[in-house]
Amino acid sequence: QVQLVESGGGLVQTGGSLRLSCAASGRTFSNSLMGWFRQAPEKEREFVAQITWTNGNTYYADSVKGRFTISRDNAKNTVYLQMNSLKPEDTAVYYCTAYSGGLWSDWGQGTQVTVPS
């Protein structure tokens, strides 16, 4: 099992930036991928971005491509999500997650990002 703790959420105006962090502990060596999902009010949780621990390969949802950047610091067991050019539709609770055994198996508690319209 992996423990994930997110931080860095908050309120930011349209066009602003935030950087989310996700500190991982526990059986981190068993996870090949780390990712970010988000869930807006009354909507299903949706994929945002993922990164491979080993080679840093990344993949993004179309809705955030070119605005968000996922990165990792292997020495710190931390994954980041740099969010630029934020829009009101980015408002959501953002969750960090780890992939193991064929599914996104471990989740953080989430951090709120609010971009007022």
PDB file of N, CA and C in Angstrom:
ATOM      1  N   GLN A   1       0.844  -1.194   0.000  1.00  0.00           N
ATOM      2  CA  GLN A   1       0.000   0.000   0.000  1.00  0.00           C
ATOM      3  C   GLN A   1       0.877   1.241   0.000  1.00  0.00           C
ATOM      4  N   VAL A   2       0.387   2.264  -0.670  1.00  0.00           N
ATOM      5  CA  VAL A   2       1.105   3.533  -0.761  1.00  0.00           C
ATOM      6  C   VAL A   2       0.253   4.607  -0.105  1.00  0.00           C
ATOM      7  N   GLN A   3       0.892   5.441   0.689  1.00  0.00           N
ATOM      8  CA  GLN A   3       0.213   6.583   1.287  1.00  0.00           C
ATOM      9  C   GLN A   3       0.538   7.818   0.471  1.00  0.00           C
ATOM     10  N   LEU A   4      -0.495   8.580   0.157  1.00  0.00           N
ATOM     11  CA  LEU A   4      -0.348   9.754  -0.691  1.00  0.00           C
ATOM     12  C   LEU A   4      -0.946  10.958   0.013  1.00  0.00           C
ATOM     13  N   VAL A   5      -0.187  12.048   0.052  1.00  0.00           N
ATOM     14  CA  VAL A   5      -0.645  13.267   0.702  1.00  0.00           C
ATOM     15  C   VAL A   5      -0.477  14.425  -0.265  1.00  0.00           C
ATOM     16  N   GLU A   6      -1.600  15.026  -0.650  1.00  0.00           N
ATOM     17  CA  GLU A   6      -1.569  16.163  -1.575  1.00  0.00           C
ATOM     18  C   GLU A   6      -1.502  17.476  -0.805  1.00  0.00           C
ATOM     19  N   SER A   7      -0.967  18.488  -1.476  1.00  0.00           N
ATOM     20  CA  SER A   7      -0.955  19.838  -0.933  1.00  0.00           C
ATOM     21  C   SER A   7      -0.859  20.817  -2.088  1.00  0.00           C
ATOM     22  N   GLY A   8      -1.130  22.090  -1.796  1.00  0.00           N
ATOM     23  CA  GLY A   8      -0.928  23.130  -2.788  1.00  0.00           C
ATOM     24  C   GLY A   8      -2.182  23.691  -3.412  1.00  0.00           C
ATOM     25  N   GLY A   9      -3.333  23.155  -3.054  1.00  0.00           N
ATOM     26  CA  GLY A   9      -4.563  23.688  -3.609  1.00  0.00           C
ATOM     27  C   GLY A   9      -4.881  25.065  -3.051  1.00  0.00           C
ATOM     28  N   GLY A  10      -5.913  25.695  -3.617  1.00  0.00           N
ATOM     29  CA  GLY A  10      -6.313  27.007  -3.139  1.00  0.00           C
ATOM     30  C   GLY A  10      -7.222  27.697  -4.117  1.00  0.00           C
ATOM     31  N   LEU A  11      -7.394  28.988  -3.885  1.00  0.00           N
ATOM     32  CA  LEU A  11      -8.226  29.819  -4.740  1.00  0.00           C
ATOM     33  C   LEU A  11      -7.325  30.703  -5.589  1.00  0.00           C
ATOM     34  N   VAL A  12      -7.580  30.719  -6.880  1.00  0.00           N
ATOM     35  CA  VAL A  12      -6.763  31.505  -7.796  1.00  0.00           C
ATOM     36  C   VAL A  12      -7.658  32.090  -8.876  1.00  0.00           C
ATOM     37  N   GLN A  13      -7.323  33.270  -9.354  1.00  0.00           N
ATOM     38  CA  GLN A  13      -8.122  33.913 -10.385  1.00  0.00           C
ATOM     39  C   GLN A  13      -7.866  33.288 -11.755  1.00  0.00           C
ATOM     40  N   THR A  14      -8.808  33.494 -12.652  1.00  0.00           N
ATOM     41  CA  THR A  14      -8.666  33.005 -14.021  1.00  0.00           C
ATOM     42  C   THR A  14      -7.350  33.490 -14.623  1.00  0.00           C
ATOM     43  N   GLY A  15      -6.637  32.553 -15.219  1.00  0.00           N
ATOM     44  CA  GLY A  15      -5.342  32.867 -15.801  1.00  0.00           C
ATOM     45  C   GLY A  15      -4.168  32.673 -14.870  1.00  0.00           C
ATOM     46  N   GLY A  16      -4.459  32.410 -13.605  1.00  0.00           N
ATOM     47  CA  GLY A  16      -3.406  32.226 -12.622  1.00  0.00           C
ATOM     48  C   GLY A  16      -2.816  30.828 -12.640  1.00  0.00           C
ATOM     49  N   SER A  17      -1.913  30.592 -11.688  1.00  0.00           N
ATOM     50  CA  SER A  17      -1.201  29.320 -11.617  1.00  0.00           C
ATOM     51  C   SER A  17      -1.212  28.773 -10.198  1.00  0.00           C
ATOM     52  N   LEU A  18      -1.119  27.460 -10.113  1.00  0.00           N
ATOM     53  CA  LEU A  18      -0.939  26.747  -8.849  1.00  0.00           C
ATOM     54  C   LEU A  18      -0.052  25.548  -9.105  1.00  0.00           C
ATOM     55  N   ARG A  19       0.656  25.124  -8.077  1.00  0.00           N
ATOM     56  CA  ARG A  19       1.408  23.881  -8.167  1.00  0.00           C
ATOM     57  C   ARG A  19       0.964  22.955  -7.052  1.00  0.00           C
ATOM     58  N   LEU A  20       0.472  21.801  -7.432  1.00  0.00           N
ATOM     59  CA  LEU A  20       0.085  20.773  -6.481  1.00  0.00           C
ATOM     60  C   LEU A  20       1.256  19.816  -6.259  1.00  0.00           C
ATOM     61  N   SER A  21       1.354  19.339  -5.035  1.00  0.00           N
ATOM     62  CA  SER A  21       2.372  18.351  -4.694  1.00  0.00           C
ATOM     63  C   SER A  21       1.705  17.106  -4.135  1.00  0.00           C
ATOM     64  N   CYS A  22       2.345  15.969  -4.354  1.00  0.00           N
ATOM     65  CA  CYS A  22       1.855  14.700  -3.828  1.00  0.00           C
ATOM     66  C   CYS A  22       3.047  13.930  -3.279  1.00  0.00           C
ATOM     67  N   ALA A  23       3.103  13.813  -1.966  1.00  0.00           N
ATOM     68  CA  ALA A  23       4.187  13.077  -1.314  1.00  0.00           C
ATOM     69  C   ALA A  23       3.752  11.634  -1.110  1.00  0.00           C
ATOM     70  N   ALA A  24       4.569  10.701  -1.602  1.00  0.00           N
ATOM     71  CA  ALA A  24       4.250   9.279  -1.519  1.00  0.00           C
ATOM     72  C   ALA A  24       5.153   8.595  -0.500  1.00  0.00           C
ATOM     73  N   SER A  25       4.580   7.666   0.247  1.00  0.00           N
ATOM     74  CA  SER A  25       5.351   6.870   1.193  1.00  0.00           C
ATOM     75  C   SER A  25       4.781   5.456   1.217  1.00  0.00           C
ATOM     76  N   GLY A  26       5.550   4.544   1.778  1.00  0.00           N
ATOM     77  CA  GLY A  26       5.106   3.159   1.810  1.00  0.00           C
ATOM     78  C   GLY A  26       5.721   2.386   0.670  1.00  0.00           C
ATOM     79  N   ARG A  27       4.982   1.503   0.048  1.00  0.00           N
ATOM     80  CA  ARG A  27       5.484   0.613  -0.989  1.00  0.00           C
ATOM     81  C   ARG A  27       5.544   1.320  -2.347  1.00  0.00           C
ATOM     82  N   THR A  28       6.266   2.433  -2.392  1.00  0.00           N
ATOM     83  CA  THR A  28       6.314   3.222  -3.618  1.00  0.00           C
ATOM     84  C   THR A  28       7.014   2.485  -4.750  1.00  0.00           C
ATOM     85  N   PHE A  29       7.883   1.530  -4.437  1.00  0.00           N
ATOM     86  CA  PHE A  29       8.622   0.831  -5.484  1.00  0.00           C
ATOM     87  C   PHE A  29       7.720  -0.058  -6.322  1.00  0.00           C
ATOM     88  N   SER A  30       6.537  -0.342  -5.824  1.00  0.00           N
ATOM     89  CA  SER A  30       5.630  -1.240  -6.542  1.00  0.00           C
ATOM     90  C   SER A  30       4.760  -0.516  -7.557  1.00  0.00           C
ATOM     91  N   ASN A  31       4.903   0.797  -7.624  1.00  0.00           N
ATOM     92  CA  ASN A  31       4.050   1.587  -8.517  1.00  0.00           C
ATOM     93  C   ASN A  31       4.847   2.047  -9.728  1.00  0.00           C
ATOM     94  N   SER A  32       4.343   1.747 -10.907  1.00  0.00           N
ATOM     95  CA  SER A  32       5.016   2.193 -12.110  1.00  0.00           C
ATOM     96  C   SER A  32       4.560   3.571 -12.550  1.00  0.00           C
ATOM     97  N   LEU A  33       3.327   3.903 -12.224  1.00  0.00           N
ATOM     98  CA  LEU A  33       2.745   5.160 -12.667  1.00  0.00           C
ATOM     99  C   LEU A  33       2.198   5.938 -11.485  1.00  0.00           C
ATOM    100  N   MET A  34       2.273   7.252 -11.612  1.00  0.00           N
ATOM    101  CA  MET A  34       1.582   8.146 -10.694  1.00  0.00           C
ATOM    102  C   MET A  34       0.695   9.056 -11.528  1.00  0.00           C
ATOM    103  N   GLY A  35      -0.426   9.447 -10.957  1.00  0.00           N
ATOM    104  CA  GLY A  35      -1.341  10.261 -11.733  1.00  0.00           C
ATOM    105  C   GLY A  35      -2.100  11.266 -10.897  1.00  0.00           C
ATOM    106  N   TRP A  36      -2.770  12.155 -11.628  1.00  0.00           N
ATOM    107  CA  TRP A  36      -3.690  13.117 -11.023  1.00  0.00           C
ATOM    108  C   TRP A  36      -5.054  12.963 -11.692  1.00  0.00           C
ATOM    109  N   PHE A  37      -6.068  12.932 -10.864  1.00  0.00           N
ATOM    110  CA  PHE A  37      -7.448  12.969 -11.306  1.00  0.00           C
ATOM    111  C   PHE A  37      -8.107  14.174 -10.647  1.00  0.00           C
ATOM    112  N   ARG A  38      -9.284  14.536 -11.116  1.00  0.00           N
ATOM    113  CA  ARG A  38     -10.035  15.614 -10.473  1.00  0.00           C
ATOM    114  C   ARG A  38     -11.526  15.296 -10.527  1.00  0.00           C
ATOM    115  N   GLN A  39     -12.232  15.884  -9.565  1.00  0.00           N
ATOM    116  CA  GLN A  39     -13.679  15.700  -9.512  1.00  0.00           C
ATOM    117  C   GLN A  39     -14.342  17.021  -9.190  1.00  0.00           C
ATOM    118  N   ALA A  40     -15.116  17.508 -10.130  1.00  0.00           N
ATOM    119  CA  ALA A  40     -15.887  18.733  -9.941  1.00  0.00           C
ATOM    120  C   ALA A  40     -17.229  18.386  -9.320  1.00  0.00           C
ATOM    121  N   PRO A  41     -17.897  19.369  -8.703  1.00  0.00           N
ATOM    122  CA  PRO A  41     -19.196  19.102  -8.078  1.00  0.00           C
ATOM    123  C   PRO A  41     -20.181  18.489  -9.065  1.00  0.00           C
ATOM    124  N   GLU A  42     -20.817  17.403  -8.642  1.00  0.00           N
ATOM    125  CA  GLU A  42     -21.855  16.725  -9.412  1.00  0.00           C
ATOM    126  C   GLU A  42     -21.328  16.140 -10.719  1.00  0.00           C
ATOM    127  N   LYS A  43     -20.025  15.916 -10.789  1.00  0.00           N
ATOM    128  CA  LYS A  43     -19.447  15.281 -11.967  1.00  0.00           C
ATOM    129  C   LYS A  43     -18.619  14.081 -11.542  1.00  0.00           C
ATOM    130  N   GLU A  44     -18.361  13.188 -12.491  1.00  0.00           N
ATOM    131  CA  GLU A  44     -17.545  12.023 -12.192  1.00  0.00           C
ATOM    132  C   GLU A  44     -16.064  12.418 -12.135  1.00  0.00           C
ATOM    133  N   ARG A  45     -15.320  11.615 -11.413  1.00  0.00           N
ATOM    134  CA  ARG A  45     -13.875  11.831 -11.337  1.00  0.00           C
ATOM    135  C   ARG A  45     -13.278  11.604 -12.724  1.00  0.00           C
ATOM    136  N   GLU A  46     -12.378  12.479 -13.133  1.00  0.00           N
ATOM    137  CA  GLU A  46     -11.793  12.363 -14.463  1.00  0.00           C
ATOM    138  C   GLU A  46     -10.279  12.426 -14.410  1.00  0.00           C
ATOM    139  N   PHE A  47      -9.674  11.749 -15.366  1.00  0.00           N
ATOM    140  CA  PHE A  47      -8.223  11.700 -15.496  1.00  0.00           C
ATOM    141  C   PHE A  47      -7.692  13.067 -15.914  1.00  0.00           C
ATOM    142  N   VAL A  48      -6.543  13.451 -15.336  1.00  0.00           N
ATOM    143  CA  VAL A  48      -5.885  14.702 -15.684  1.00  0.00           C
ATOM    144  C   VAL A  48      -4.530  14.446 -16.329  1.00  0.00           C
ATOM    145  N   ALA A  49      -3.673  13.711 -15.638  1.00  0.00           N
ATOM    146  CA  ALA A  49      -2.318  13.493 -16.149  1.00  0.00           C
ATOM    147  C   ALA A  49      -1.684  12.306 -15.440  1.00  0.00           C
ATOM    148  N   GLN A  50      -0.657  11.723 -16.083  1.00  0.00           N
ATOM    149  CA  GLN A  50       0.091  10.641 -15.453  1.00  0.00           C
ATOM    150  C   GLN A  50       1.551  10.746 -15.832  1.00  0.00           C
ATOM    151  N   ILE A  51       2.399  10.124 -15.003  1.00  0.00           N
ATOM    152  CA  ILE A  51       3.836  10.118 -15.253  1.00  0.00           C
ATOM    153  C   ILE A  51       4.407   8.785 -14.819  1.00  0.00           C
ATOM    154  N   THR A  52       5.396   8.305 -15.549  1.00  0.00           N
ATOM    155  CA  THR A  52       6.083   7.070 -15.203  1.00  0.00           C
ATOM    156  C   THR A  52       7.234   7.395 -14.266  1.00  0.00           C
ATOM    157  N   TRP A  53       7.315   6.640 -13.161  1.00  0.00           N
ATOM    158  CA  TRP A  53       8.376   6.898 -12.187  1.00  0.00           C
ATOM    159  C   TRP A  53       9.757   6.771 -12.822  1.00  0.00           C
ATOM    160  N   THR A  54       9.961   5.777 -13.651  1.00  0.00           N
ATOM    161  CA  THR A  54      11.312   5.454 -14.116  1.00  0.00           C
ATOM    162  C   THR A  54      11.820   6.422 -15.178  1.00  0.00           C
ATOM    163  N   ASN A  55      11.083   6.558 -16.283  1.00  0.00           N
ATOM    164  CA  ASN A  55      11.610   7.361 -17.388  1.00  0.00           C
ATOM    165  C   ASN A  55      10.932   8.710 -17.551  1.00  0.00           C
ATOM    166  N   GLY A  56       9.952   9.016 -16.706  1.00  0.00           N
ATOM    167  CA  GLY A  56       9.322  10.328 -16.749  1.00  0.00           C
ATOM    168  C   GLY A  56       8.368  10.554 -17.902  1.00  0.00           C
ATOM    169  N   ASN A  57       7.995   9.492 -18.612  1.00  0.00           N
ATOM    170  CA  ASN A  57       7.020   9.667 -19.694  1.00  0.00           C
ATOM    171  C   ASN A  57       5.706  10.202 -19.133  1.00  0.00           C
ATOM    172  N   THR A  58       5.093  11.115 -19.870  1.00  0.00           N
ATOM    173  CA  THR A  58       3.871  11.754 -19.407  1.00  0.00           C
ATOM    174  C   THR A  58       2.736  11.601 -20.411  1.00  0.00           C
ATOM    175  N   TYR A  59       1.526  11.779 -19.896  1.00  0.00           N
ATOM    176  CA  TYR A  59       0.333  11.725 -20.740  1.00  0.00           C
ATOM    177  C   TYR A  59      -0.709  12.617 -20.085  1.00  0.00           C
ATOM    178  N   TYR A  60      -1.449  13.383 -20.931  1.00  0.00           N
ATOM    179  CA  TYR A  60      -2.387  14.370 -20.412  1.00  0.00           C
ATOM    180  C   TYR A  60      -3.764  14.218 -21.028  1.00  0.00           C
ATOM    181  N   ALA A  61      -4.757  14.628 -20.280  1.00  0.00           N
ATOM    182  CA  ALA A  61      -6.084  14.787 -20.851  1.00  0.00           C
ATOM    183  C   ALA A  61      -6.061  15.961 -21.818  1.00  0.00           C
ATOM    184  N   ASP A  62      -6.863  15.885 -22.845  1.00  0.00           N
ATOM    185  CA  ASP A  62      -6.896  16.961 -23.839  1.00  0.00           C
ATOM    186  C   ASP A  62      -7.259  18.303 -23.212  1.00  0.00           C
ATOM    187  N   SER A  63      -8.083  18.268 -22.189  1.00  0.00           N
ATOM    188  CA  SER A  63      -8.572  19.507 -21.584  1.00  0.00           C
ATOM    189  C   SER A  63      -7.482  20.297 -20.870  1.00  0.00           C
ATOM    190  N   VAL A  64      -6.375  19.650 -20.528  1.00  0.00           N
ATOM    191  CA  VAL A  64      -5.308  20.341 -19.796  1.00  0.00           C
ATOM    192  C   VAL A  64      -3.998  20.394 -20.564  1.00  0.00           C
ATOM    193  N   LYS A  65      -3.948  19.740 -21.700  1.00  0.00           N
ATOM    194  CA  LYS A  65      -2.703  19.676 -22.476  1.00  0.00           C
ATOM    195  C   LYS A  65      -2.251  21.077 -22.858  1.00  0.00           C
ATOM    196  N   GLY A  66      -0.979  21.356 -22.628  1.00  0.00           N
ATOM    197  CA  GLY A  66      -0.431  22.670 -22.928  1.00  0.00           C
ATOM    198  C   GLY A  66      -0.539  23.662 -21.791  1.00  0.00           C
ATOM    199  N   ARG A  67      -1.354  23.342 -20.777  1.00  0.00           N
ATOM    200  CA  ARG A  67      -1.512  24.239 -19.623  1.00  0.00           C
ATOM    201  C   ARG A  67      -0.965  23.615 -18.344  1.00  0.00           C
ATOM    202  N   PHE A  68      -1.102  22.311 -18.211  1.00  0.00           N
ATOM    203  CA  PHE A  68      -0.651  21.601 -17.008  1.00  0.00           C
ATOM    204  C   PHE A  68       0.610  20.797 -17.327  1.00  0.00           C
ATOM    205  N   THR A  69       1.475  20.668 -16.327  1.00  0.00           N
ATOM    206  CA  THR A  69       2.674  19.858 -16.470  1.00  0.00           C
ATOM    207  C   THR A  69       2.837  18.978 -15.241  1.00  0.00           C
ATOM    208  N   ILE A  70       2.950  17.684 -15.461  1.00  0.00           N
ATOM    209  CA  ILE A  70       3.204  16.748 -14.375  1.00  0.00           C
ATOM    210  C   ILE A  70       4.691  16.431 -14.354  1.00  0.00           C
ATOM    211  N   SER A  71       5.253  16.343 -13.153  1.00  0.00           N
ATOM    212  CA  SER A  71       6.671  16.027 -13.019  1.00  0.00           C
ATOM    213  C   SER A  71       6.871  15.228 -11.735  1.00  0.00           C
ATOM    214  N   ARG A  72       8.075  14.691 -11.583  1.00  0.00           N
ATOM    215  CA  ARG A  72       8.326  13.929 -10.360  1.00  0.00           C
ATOM    216  C   ARG A  72       9.745  14.152  -9.890  1.00  0.00           C
ATOM    217  N   ASP A  73       9.925  13.991  -8.585  1.00  0.00           N
ATOM    218  CA  ASP A  73      11.238  14.034  -7.957  1.00  0.00           C
ATOM    219  C   ASP A  73      11.407  12.683  -7.272  1.00  0.00           C
ATOM    220  N   ASN A  74      12.159  11.791  -7.926  1.00  0.00           N
ATOM    221  CA  ASN A  74      12.297  10.437  -7.397  1.00  0.00           C
ATOM    222  C   ASN A  74      12.955  10.416  -6.025  1.00  0.00           C
ATOM    223  N   ALA A  75      13.908  11.300  -5.804  1.00  0.00           N
ATOM    224  CA  ALA A  75      14.611  11.325  -4.522  1.00  0.00           C
ATOM    225  C   ALA A  75      13.675  11.686  -3.381  1.00  0.00           C
ATOM    226  N   LYS A  76      12.674  12.504  -3.688  1.00  0.00           N
ATOM    227  CA  LYS A  76      11.730  12.937  -2.652  1.00  0.00           C
ATOM    228  C   LYS A  76      10.430  12.136  -2.677  1.00  0.00           C
ATOM    229  N   ASN A  77      10.318  11.178  -3.618  1.00  0.00           N
ATOM    230  CA  ASN A  77       9.057  10.426  -3.776  1.00  0.00           C
ATOM    231  C   ASN A  77       7.869  11.367  -3.880  1.00  0.00           C
ATOM    232  N   THR A  78       8.034  12.400  -4.681  1.00  0.00           N
ATOM    233  CA  THR A  78       7.005  13.421  -4.800  1.00  0.00           C
ATOM    234  C   THR A  78       6.675  13.657  -6.264  1.00  0.00           C
ATOM    235  N   VAL A  79       5.395  13.810  -6.521  1.00  0.00           N
ATOM    236  CA  VAL A  79       4.895  14.130  -7.854  1.00  0.00           C
ATOM    237  C   VAL A  79       4.250  15.505  -7.795  1.00  0.00           C
ATOM    238  N   TYR A  80       4.422  16.275  -8.851  1.00  0.00           N
ATOM    239  CA  TYR A  80       3.899  17.639  -8.906  1.00  0.00           C
ATOM    240  C   TYR A  80       2.941  17.794 -10.081  1.00  0.00           C
ATOM    241  N   LEU A  81       2.054  18.751  -9.939  1.00  0.00           N
ATOM    242  CA  LEU A  81       1.201  19.151 -11.054  1.00  0.00           C
ATOM    243  C   LEU A  81       1.226  20.669 -11.117  1.00  0.00           C
ATOM    244  N   GLN A  82       1.956  21.190 -12.093  1.00  0.00           N
ATOM    245  CA  GLN A  82       2.001  22.627 -12.322  1.00  0.00           C
ATOM    246  C   GLN A  82       0.837  22.997 -13.211  1.00  0.00           C
ATOM    247  N   MET A  83      -0.009  23.885 -12.725  1.00  0.00           N
ATOM    248  CA  MET A  83      -1.220  24.265 -13.455  1.00  0.00           C
ATOM    249  C   MET A  83      -1.143  25.747 -13.803  1.00  0.00           C
ATOM    250  N   ASN A  84      -1.104  26.036 -15.085  1.00  0.00           N
ATOM    251  CA  ASN A  84      -1.047  27.415 -15.571  1.00  0.00           C
ATOM    252  C   ASN A  84      -2.309  27.738 -16.363  1.00  0.00           C
ATOM    253  N   SER A  85      -2.514  29.028 -16.576  1.00  0.00           N
ATOM    254  CA  SER A  85      -3.673  29.489 -17.355  1.00  0.00           C
ATOM    255  C   SER A  85      -4.964  28.842 -16.866  1.00  0.00           C
ATOM    256  N   LEU A  86      -5.161  28.883 -15.565  1.00  0.00           N
ATOM    257  CA  LEU A  86      -6.316  28.210 -14.971  1.00  0.00           C
ATOM    258  C   LEU A  86      -7.618  28.869 -15.392  1.00  0.00           C
ATOM    259  N   LYS A  87      -8.633  28.022 -15.522  1.00  0.00           N
ATOM    260  CA  LYS A  87      -9.956  28.447 -15.952  1.00  0.00           C
ATOM    261  C   LYS A  87     -10.985  28.034 -14.909  1.00  0.00           C
ATOM    262  N   PRO A  88     -12.148  28.668 -14.904  1.00  0.00           N
ATOM    263  CA  PRO A  88     -13.187  28.250 -13.941  1.00  0.00           C
ATOM    264  C   PRO A  88     -13.543  26.762 -14.057  1.00  0.00           C
ATOM    265  N   GLU A  89     -13.482  26.219 -15.252  1.00  0.00           N
ATOM    266  CA  GLU A  89     -13.810  24.803 -15.418  1.00  0.00           C
ATOM    267  C   GLU A  89     -12.747  23.872 -14.849  1.00  0.00           C
ATOM    268  N   ASP A  90     -11.632  24.412 -14.383  1.00  0.00           N
ATOM    269  CA  ASP A  90     -10.633  23.592 -13.691  1.00  0.00           C
ATOM    270  C   ASP A  90     -10.966  23.428 -12.212  1.00  0.00           C
ATOM    271  N   THR A  91     -11.983  24.129 -11.744  1.00  0.00           N
ATOM    272  CA  THR A  91     -12.385  24.019 -10.347  1.00  0.00           C
ATOM    273  C   THR A  91     -12.797  22.588 -10.031  1.00  0.00           C
ATOM    274  N   ALA A  92     -12.148  22.013  -9.018  1.00  0.00           N
ATOM    275  CA  ALA A  92     -12.404  20.614  -8.657  1.00  0.00           C
ATOM    276  C   ALA A  92     -11.555  20.246  -7.448  1.00  0.00           C
ATOM    277  N   VAL A  93     -11.850  19.093  -6.891  1.00  0.00           N
ATOM    278  CA  VAL A  93     -10.943  18.473  -5.942  1.00  0.00           C
ATOM    279  C   VAL A  93      -9.967  17.621  -6.753  1.00  0.00           C
ATOM    280  N   TYR A  94      -8.686  17.830  -6.535  1.00  0.00           N
ATOM    281  CA  TYR A  94      -7.650  17.125  -7.273  1.00  0.00           C
ATOM    282  C   TYR A  94      -7.070  16.019  -6.401  1.00  0.00           C
ATOM    283  N   TYR A  95      -6.998  14.826  -6.980  1.00  0.00           N
ATOM    284  CA  TYR A  95      -6.536  13.643  -6.267  1.00  0.00           C
ATOM    285  C   TYR A  95      -5.265  13.096  -6.905  1.00  0.00           C
ATOM    286  N   CYS A  96      -4.327  12.766  -6.070  1.00  0.00           N
ATOM    287  CA  CYS A  96      -3.138  12.044  -6.499  1.00  0.00           C
ATOM    288  C   CYS A  96      -3.408  10.557  -6.384  1.00  0.00           C
ATOM    289  N   THR A  97      -2.864   9.772  -7.308  1.00  0.00           N
ATOM    290  CA  THR A  97      -3.130   8.335  -7.294  1.00  0.00           C
ATOM    291  C   THR A  97      -1.922   7.562  -7.803  1.00  0.00           C
ATOM    292  N   ALA A  98      -1.813   6.320  -7.352  1.00  0.00           N
ATOM    293  CA  ALA A  98      -0.729   5.440  -7.755  1.00  0.00           C
ATOM    294  C   ALA A  98      -1.302   4.209  -8.453  1.00  0.00           C
ATOM    295  N   TYR A  99      -0.588   3.765  -9.511  1.00  0.00           N
ATOM    296  CA  TYR A  99      -1.063   2.647 -10.329  1.00  0.00           C
ATOM    297  C   TYR A  99      -0.299   1.382  -9.955  1.00  0.00           C
ATOM    298  N   SER A 100      -1.056   0.342  -9.652  1.00  0.00           N
ATOM    299  CA  SER A 100      -0.439  -0.933  -9.289  1.00  0.00           C
ATOM    300  C   SER A 100      -1.434  -2.049  -9.526  1.00  0.00           C
ATOM    301  N   GLY A 101      -0.927  -3.179 -10.021  1.00  0.00           N
ATOM    302  CA  GLY A 101      -1.800  -4.330 -10.220  1.00  0.00           C
ATOM    303  C   GLY A 101      -2.886  -4.104 -11.237  1.00  0.00           C
ATOM    304  N   GLY A 102      -2.629  -3.228 -12.210  1.00  0.00           N
ATOM    305  CA  GLY A 102      -3.591  -3.037 -13.278  1.00  0.00           C
ATOM    306  C   GLY A 102      -4.675  -2.030 -13.006  1.00  0.00           C
ATOM    307  N   LEU A 103      -4.546  -1.269 -11.946  1.00  0.00           N
ATOM    308  CA  LEU A 103      -5.551  -0.247 -11.660  1.00  0.00           C
ATOM    309  C   LEU A 103      -4.943   0.864 -10.828  1.00  0.00           C
ATOM    310  N   TRP A 104      -5.656   2.000 -10.788  1.00  0.00           N
ATOM    311  CA  TRP A 104      -5.267   3.092  -9.901  1.00  0.00           C
ATOM    312  C   TRP A 104      -5.701   2.667  -8.502  1.00  0.00           C
ATOM    313  N   SER A 105      -4.738   2.196  -7.713  1.00  0.00           N
ATOM    314  CA  SER A 105      -5.059   1.449  -6.504  1.00  0.00           C
ATOM    315  C   SER A 105      -5.030   2.260  -5.218  1.00  0.00           C
ATOM    316  N   ASP A 106      -4.269   3.326  -5.195  1.00  0.00           N
ATOM    317  CA  ASP A 106      -4.132   4.109  -3.969  1.00  0.00           C
ATOM    318  C   ASP A 106      -4.432   5.566  -4.286  1.00  0.00           C
ATOM    319  N   TRP A 107      -5.111   6.217  -3.349  1.00  0.00           N
ATOM    320  CA  TRP A 107      -5.554   7.591  -3.570  1.00  0.00           C
ATOM    321  C   TRP A 107      -5.244   8.456  -2.366  1.00  0.00           C
ATOM    322  N   GLY A 108      -4.935   9.721  -2.639  1.00  0.00           N
ATOM    323  CA  GLY A 108      -4.801  10.687  -1.570  1.00  0.00           C
ATOM    324  C   GLY A 108      -6.166  11.206  -1.153  1.00  0.00           C
ATOM    325  N   GLN A 109      -6.147  12.137  -0.203  1.00  0.00           N
ATOM    326  CA  GLN A 109      -7.394  12.673   0.343  1.00  0.00           C
ATOM    327  C   GLN A 109      -7.973  13.786  -0.519  1.00  0.00           C
ATOM    328  N   GLY A 110      -7.176  14.309  -1.426  1.00  0.00           N
ATOM    329  CA  GLY A 110      -7.635  15.359  -2.323  1.00  0.00           C
ATOM    330  C   GLY A 110      -7.305  16.747  -1.822  1.00  0.00           C
ATOM    331  N   THR A 111      -7.180  17.674  -2.773  1.00  0.00           N
ATOM    332  CA  THR A 111      -6.944  19.070  -2.440  1.00  0.00           C
ATOM    333  C   THR A 111      -7.817  19.930  -3.363  1.00  0.00           C
ATOM    334  N   GLN A 112      -8.456  20.919  -2.789  1.00  0.00           N
ATOM    335  CA  GLN A 112      -9.424  21.744  -3.526  1.00  0.00           C
ATOM    336  C   GLN A 112      -8.718  22.829  -4.327  1.00  0.00           C
ATOM    337  N   VAL A 113      -9.113  22.939  -5.585  1.00  0.00           N
ATOM    338  CA  VAL A 113      -8.677  24.033  -6.451  1.00  0.00           C
ATOM    339  C   VAL A 113      -9.930  24.778  -6.903  1.00  0.00           C
ATOM    340  N   THR A 114      -9.930  26.083  -6.661  1.00  0.00           N
ATOM    341  CA  THR A 114     -11.095  26.896  -7.015  1.00  0.00           C
ATOM    342  C   THR A 114     -10.658  28.063  -7.880  1.00  0.00           C
ATOM    343  N   VAL A 115     -11.299  28.177  -9.048  1.00  0.00           N
ATOM    344  CA  VAL A 115     -11.046  29.281  -9.968  1.00  0.00           C
ATOM    345  C   VAL A 115     -12.393  29.963 -10.193  1.00  0.00           C
ATOM    346  N   PRO A 116     -12.656  31.073  -9.528  1.00  0.00           N
ATOM    347  CA  PRO A 116     -13.976  31.708  -9.629  1.00  0.00           C
ATOM    348  C   PRO A 116     -14.254  32.201 -11.039  1.00  0.00           C
ATOM    349  N   SER A 117     -15.516  32.112 -11.431  1.00  0.00           N
ATOM    350  CA  SER A 117     -15.906  32.605 -12.762  1.00  0.00           C
ATOM    351  C   SER A 117     -16.260  34.075 -12.715  1.00  0.00           C
TER     352      SER A 117
END
